[in-house]
């Protein structure tokens, strides 16, 4: 498989002979309001044009409807005929935006030889979850490909650990910027990403969703320093830059 980190959670993945676009966030730099007063969002530009990003895409997966995962520019630019998989409950809003092939992921779904299975996530713990709303992660499986667990906008909590232990994945994609809302952690930070790496010693962890939004508290350098201090081999915890492509074998 080939995985390209575009920005934030937005990935373009070549997998099982298909091209998947995950959580398209296409807004120009500084075009959206700040979350904390530190900077308008997103804080970085896309690494290449939207036309280039959309080239060859066969399937879109939208984990939830926060603007940094599916924004107004993406709703305008993603072709309305492309199939979209989403969490149950979001399909109506996506269809209202004009998309015609929207399928909620209630259970494991097979699409052209790929098996996409929804996985539990929690966008924080406690009362902040009511503000953040529901999210999902998912696993990807296909013949001859590594098994991928895309954890999504979640903290590290028991259902995430159970997914890692039960699947078990070859590749784990985490959101590791340590974003906080009203002081509460809403995605993984450095400590939790290190915990994922320790729990899955035979998997490669790919840390994404970093340095793009102003409520993040952990930089790529912070995460690498924490991983090094914990003795995590750099080959097992990858921290790609925006626009970087990773070639990943089973």
Foldseek 3Di string as FASTA:
>chain_A
DKWAFFAALWIWDCPQNATETFQDQQDAAQPACAQPPPGRFQNDHGPDDPVVVQPRHQEYEQFDPDNRRQNPVNLVPRDLAHAYEYAPPCQVVSVVSPRDHYDYQPAFDDDPQKTKGKFAAAQFDDPVSVVVDGGIWIWIDGPQAWIETEGPFHEDDVSVLVCCVVPPTQEYEAAEQQFDHPRTGRGHHLVRQLVVCVSNVNHAYEYHSASGHDRGDHHPVNNVVSNVVVVNPCRRYHYDDNRDMDDDGD
